[in-house]
Amino acid sequence: MPHLTLEHTANIPAPKDAIHIMKAMHKVLHEIGGVKIENCKSRIKVADPFFISQGEESNAFLHLDVRLIEGRAIELKQTIGNHLLNVLKIEYQEVMQRRDLQITVEIRDIKRNEYFKYPEGTLT
């Protein structure tokens, strides 16, 4: 915990520096959300095939799914979400100039009693 999955359409090139993006997202969760940075786990996936609207080739999406252990106030999750959205807008600025890019961030709670982790005592 937390788990971050960044998914993008196949018509967007892979990030030039994927590690930089993931580090930036982890930093947001650590500094704003109070998450232990060593607990952050990120991955980037390509959506292929994909279909948006009527199938125009210029359409693309970037979606960040963030899963956090329940208990954070909605206002804090909104602040985290806005900061993560800004990270993505900065990192994908060039793509936005060439594609009709939709960027979304979704934060979901993981129910503490339904999440299991080893080693014990590292769930914070």
C-alpha atoms as a PDB file:
ATOM      1  CA  MET A   1       0.000   0.000   0.000  1.00  0.00           C
ATOM      2  CA  PRO A   2      -0.379   2.317  -1.739  1.00  0.00           C
ATOM      3  CA  HIS A   3      -0.640   0.865  -5.218  1.00  0.00           C
ATOM      4  CA  LEU A   4      -0.456   3.138  -8.274  1.00  0.00           C
ATOM      5  CA  THR A   5      -1.290   1.936 -11.770  1.00  0.00           C
ATOM      6  CA  LEU A   6      -0.740   4.375 -14.625  1.00  0.00           C
ATOM      7  CA  GLU A   7      -2.423   3.196 -17.819  1.00  0.00           C
ATOM      8  CA  HIS A   8      -2.060   4.901 -21.181  1.00  0.00           C
ATOM      9  CA  THR A   9      -3.271   4.258 -24.696  1.00  0.00           C
ATOM     10  CA  ALA A  10      -0.918   2.643 -27.179  1.00  0.00           C
ATOM     11  CA  ASN A  11      -0.875   5.794 -29.345  1.00  0.00           C
ATOM     12  CA  ILE A  12       1.092   7.610 -26.628  1.00  0.00           C
ATOM     13  CA  PRO A  13       4.795   6.878 -26.507  1.00  0.00           C
ATOM     14  CA  ALA A  14       6.128   5.264 -23.368  1.00  0.00           C
ATOM     15  CA  PRO A  15       7.308   7.908 -20.918  1.00  0.00           C
ATOM     16  CA  LYS A  16      10.851   9.064 -21.579  1.00  0.00           C
ATOM     17  CA  ASP A  17      11.671   8.605 -17.922  1.00  0.00           C
ATOM     18  CA  ALA A  18       9.139   6.298 -16.286  1.00  0.00           C
ATOM     19  CA  ILE A  19      11.158   6.124 -13.069  1.00  0.00           C
ATOM     20  CA  HIS A  20      11.061   9.938 -12.769  1.00  0.00           C
ATOM     21  CA  ILE A  21       7.253   9.958 -13.060  1.00  0.00           C
ATOM     22  CA  MET A  22       6.854   7.204 -10.482  1.00  0.00           C
ATOM     23  CA  LYS A  23       9.257   8.947  -8.083  1.00  0.00           C
ATOM     24  CA  ALA A  24       7.295  12.194  -8.477  1.00  0.00           C
ATOM     25  CA  MET A  25       4.030  10.394  -7.688  1.00  0.00           C
ATOM     26  CA  HIS A  26       5.562   8.675  -4.655  1.00  0.00           C
ATOM     27  CA  LYS A  27       6.836  12.043  -3.440  1.00  0.00           C
ATOM     28  CA  VAL A  28       3.283  13.467  -3.560  1.00  0.00           C
ATOM     29  CA  LEU A  29       1.941  10.546  -1.544  1.00  0.00           C
ATOM     30  CA  HIS A  30       4.754  10.842   0.990  1.00  0.00           C
ATOM     31  CA  GLU A  31       4.779  14.619   1.427  1.00  0.00           C
ATOM     32  CA  ILE A  32       1.052  15.293   1.218  1.00  0.00           C
ATOM     33  CA  GLY A  33      -0.507  11.980   2.187  1.00  0.00           C
ATOM     34  CA  GLY A  34       1.910  10.992   4.941  1.00  0.00           C
ATOM     35  CA  VAL A  35       2.586   7.634   3.293  1.00  0.00           C
ATOM     36  CA  LYS A  36       5.868   5.851   3.953  1.00  0.00           C
ATOM     37  CA  ILE A  37       7.649   6.122   0.630  1.00  0.00           C
ATOM     38  CA  GLU A  38       9.026   2.568   0.976  1.00  0.00           C
ATOM     39  CA  ASN A  39       5.440   1.284   0.858  1.00  0.00           C
ATOM     40  CA  CYS A  40       4.647   2.885  -2.529  1.00  0.00           C
ATOM     41  CA  LYS A  41       4.352   0.488  -5.477  1.00  0.00           C
ATOM     42  CA  SER A  42       3.877   1.768  -9.032  1.00  0.00           C
ATOM     43  CA  ARG A  43       3.531   0.281 -12.460  1.00  0.00           C
ATOM     44  CA  ILE A  44       2.804   1.590 -15.959  1.00  0.00           C
ATOM     45  CA  LYS A  45       0.631  -0.354 -18.393  1.00  0.00           C
ATOM     46  CA  VAL A  46      -0.302   0.135 -22.026  1.00  0.00           C
ATOM     47  CA  ALA A  47      -3.950  -0.158 -23.088  1.00  0.00           C
ATOM     48  CA  ASP A  48      -3.841  -1.980 -26.399  1.00  0.00           C
ATOM     49  CA  PRO A  49      -6.258  -2.279 -28.049  1.00  0.00           C
ATOM     50  CA  PHE A  50      -8.260   0.757 -26.996  1.00  0.00           C
ATOM     51  CA  PHE A  51     -11.209   2.711 -28.404  1.00  0.00           C
ATOM     52  CA  ILE A  52     -12.266   6.264 -27.506  1.00  0.00           C
ATOM     53  CA  SER A  53     -15.384   8.085 -28.734  1.00  0.00           C
ATOM     54  CA  GLN A  54     -15.817   7.306 -32.446  1.00  0.00           C
ATOM     55  CA  GLY A  55     -12.320   5.911 -32.839  1.00  0.00           C
ATOM     56  CA  GLU A  56     -10.493   9.057 -33.986  1.00  0.00           C
ATOM     57  CA  GLU A  57      -6.758   8.401 -34.083  1.00  0.00           C
ATOM     58  CA  SER A  58      -5.982  11.636 -32.241  1.00  0.00           C
ATOM     59  CA  ASN A  59      -7.841  10.504 -29.090  1.00  0.00           C
ATOM     60  CA  ALA A  60      -5.773   9.217 -26.182  1.00  0.00           C
ATOM     61  CA  PHE A  61      -6.093   8.722 -22.455  1.00  0.00           C
ATOM     62  CA  LEU A  62      -3.917   8.512 -19.421  1.00  0.00           C
ATOM     63  CA  HIS A  63      -5.503   7.140 -16.251  1.00  0.00           C
ATOM     64  CA  LEU A  64      -3.918   6.883 -12.820  1.00  0.00           C
ATOM     65  CA  ASP A  65      -5.545   4.495 -10.375  1.00  0.00           C
ATOM     66  CA  VAL A  66      -4.417   5.087  -6.790  1.00  0.00           C
ATOM     67  CA  ARG A  67      -5.352   2.681  -4.033  1.00  0.00           C
ATOM     68  CA  LEU A  68      -4.829   3.714  -0.419  1.00  0.00           C
ATOM     69  CA  ILE A  69      -5.725   2.118   2.890  1.00  0.00           C
ATOM     70  CA  GLU A  70      -9.003   3.620   4.060  1.00  0.00           C
ATOM     71  CA  GLY A  71      -9.180   6.345   6.651  1.00  0.00           C
ATOM     72  CA  ARG A  72      -8.017   9.517   4.918  1.00  0.00           C
ATOM     73  CA  ALA A  73     -10.334  12.524   4.789  1.00  0.00           C
ATOM     74  CA  ILE A  74     -11.953  13.327   1.451  1.00  0.00           C
ATOM     75  CA  GLU A  75     -10.261  16.744   1.455  1.00  0.00           C
ATOM     76  CA  LEU A  76      -6.827  15.108   1.748  1.00  0.00           C
ATOM     77  CA  LYS A  77      -7.623  12.677  -1.073  1.00  0.00           C
ATOM     78  CA  GLN A  78      -8.764  15.602  -3.228  1.00  0.00           C
ATOM     79  CA  THR A  79      -5.496  17.433  -2.545  1.00  0.00           C
ATOM     80  CA  ILE A  80      -3.477  14.309  -3.366  1.00  0.00           C
ATOM     81  CA  GLY A  81      -5.516  13.771  -6.545  1.00  0.00           C
ATOM     82  CA  ASN A  82      -5.006  17.336  -7.740  1.00  0.00           C
ATOM     83  CA  HIS A  83      -1.257  17.169  -7.117  1.00  0.00           C
ATOM     84  CA  LEU A  84      -0.982  13.845  -8.954  1.00  0.00           C
ATOM     85  CA  LEU A  85      -2.988  15.273 -11.863  1.00  0.00           C
ATOM     86  CA  ASN A  86      -0.550  18.187 -12.039  1.00  0.00           C
ATOM     87  CA  VAL A  87       2.422  15.793 -12.113  1.00  0.00           C
ATOM     88  CA  LEU A  88       0.880  14.002 -15.092  1.00  0.00           C
ATOM     89  CA  LYS A  89      -0.017  17.225 -16.910  1.00  0.00           C
ATOM     90  CA  ILE A  90       3.574  18.405 -16.622  1.00  0.00           C
ATOM     91  CA  GLU A  91       5.075  15.068 -17.647  1.00  0.00           C
ATOM     92  CA  TYR A  92       2.764  14.642 -20.651  1.00  0.00           C
ATOM     93  CA  GLN A  93       2.760  18.257 -21.819  1.00  0.00           C
ATOM     94  CA  GLU A  94       4.283  17.379 -25.218  1.00  0.00           C
ATOM     95  CA  VAL A  95       1.717  14.624 -25.806  1.00  0.00           C
ATOM     96  CA  MET A  96      -1.130  17.071 -25.075  1.00  0.00           C
ATOM     97  CA  GLN A  97       0.090  19.199 -27.972  1.00  0.00           C
ATOM     98  CA  ARG A  98      -0.146  16.294 -30.446  1.00  0.00           C
ATOM     99  CA  ARG A  99      -3.129  14.310 -29.136  1.00  0.00           C
ATOM    100  CA  ASP A 100      -6.587  14.923 -27.737  1.00  0.00           C
ATOM    101  CA  LEU A 101      -5.418  13.604 -24.391  1.00  0.00           C
ATOM    102  CA  GLN A 102      -7.756  12.983 -21.468  1.00  0.00           C
ATOM    103  CA  ILE A 103      -5.953  12.638 -18.137  1.00  0.00           C
ATOM    104  CA  THR A 104      -7.774  11.217 -15.134  1.00  0.00           C
ATOM    105  CA  VAL A 105      -6.851  10.303 -11.570  1.00  0.00           C
ATOM    106  CA  GLU A 106      -8.989   8.059  -9.379  1.00  0.00           C
ATOM    107  CA  ILE A 107      -8.296   7.450  -5.708  1.00  0.00           C
ATOM    108  CA  ARG A 108      -9.916   4.428  -4.125  1.00  0.00           C
ATOM    109  CA  ASP A 109      -9.876   3.108  -0.599  1.00  0.00           C
ATOM    110  CA  ILE A 110      -8.592  -0.341   0.256  1.00  0.00           C
ATOM    111  CA  LYS A 111     -10.536  -1.815   3.146  1.00  0.00           C
ATOM    112  CA  ARG A 112      -8.043  -2.503   5.909  1.00  0.00           C
ATOM    113  CA  ASN A 113      -9.677  -5.784   6.930  1.00  0.00           C
ATOM    114  CA  GLU A 114      -9.596  -7.041   3.304  1.00  0.00           C
ATOM    115  CA  TYR A 115      -5.931  -6.261   2.581  1.00  0.00           C
ATOM    116  CA  PHE A 116      -3.133  -8.597   3.598  1.00  0.00           C
ATOM    117  CA  LYS A 117       0.556  -7.837   3.545  1.00  0.00           C
ATOM    118  CA  TYR A 118       3.870  -9.420   4.390  1.00  0.00           C
ATOM    119  CA  PRO A 119       5.977  -8.540   6.277  1.00  0.00           C
ATOM    120  CA  GLU A 120       3.582  -7.834   9.092  1.00  0.00           C
ATOM    121  CA  GLY A 121       3.637  -4.409  10.690  1.00  0.00           C
ATOM    122  CA  THR A 122       4.440  -2.568   7.431  1.00  0.00           C
ATOM    123  CA  LEU A 123       0.871  -1.616   6.604  1.00  0.00           C
ATOM    124  CA  THR A 124       0.750   2.163   7.066  1.00  0.00           C
END
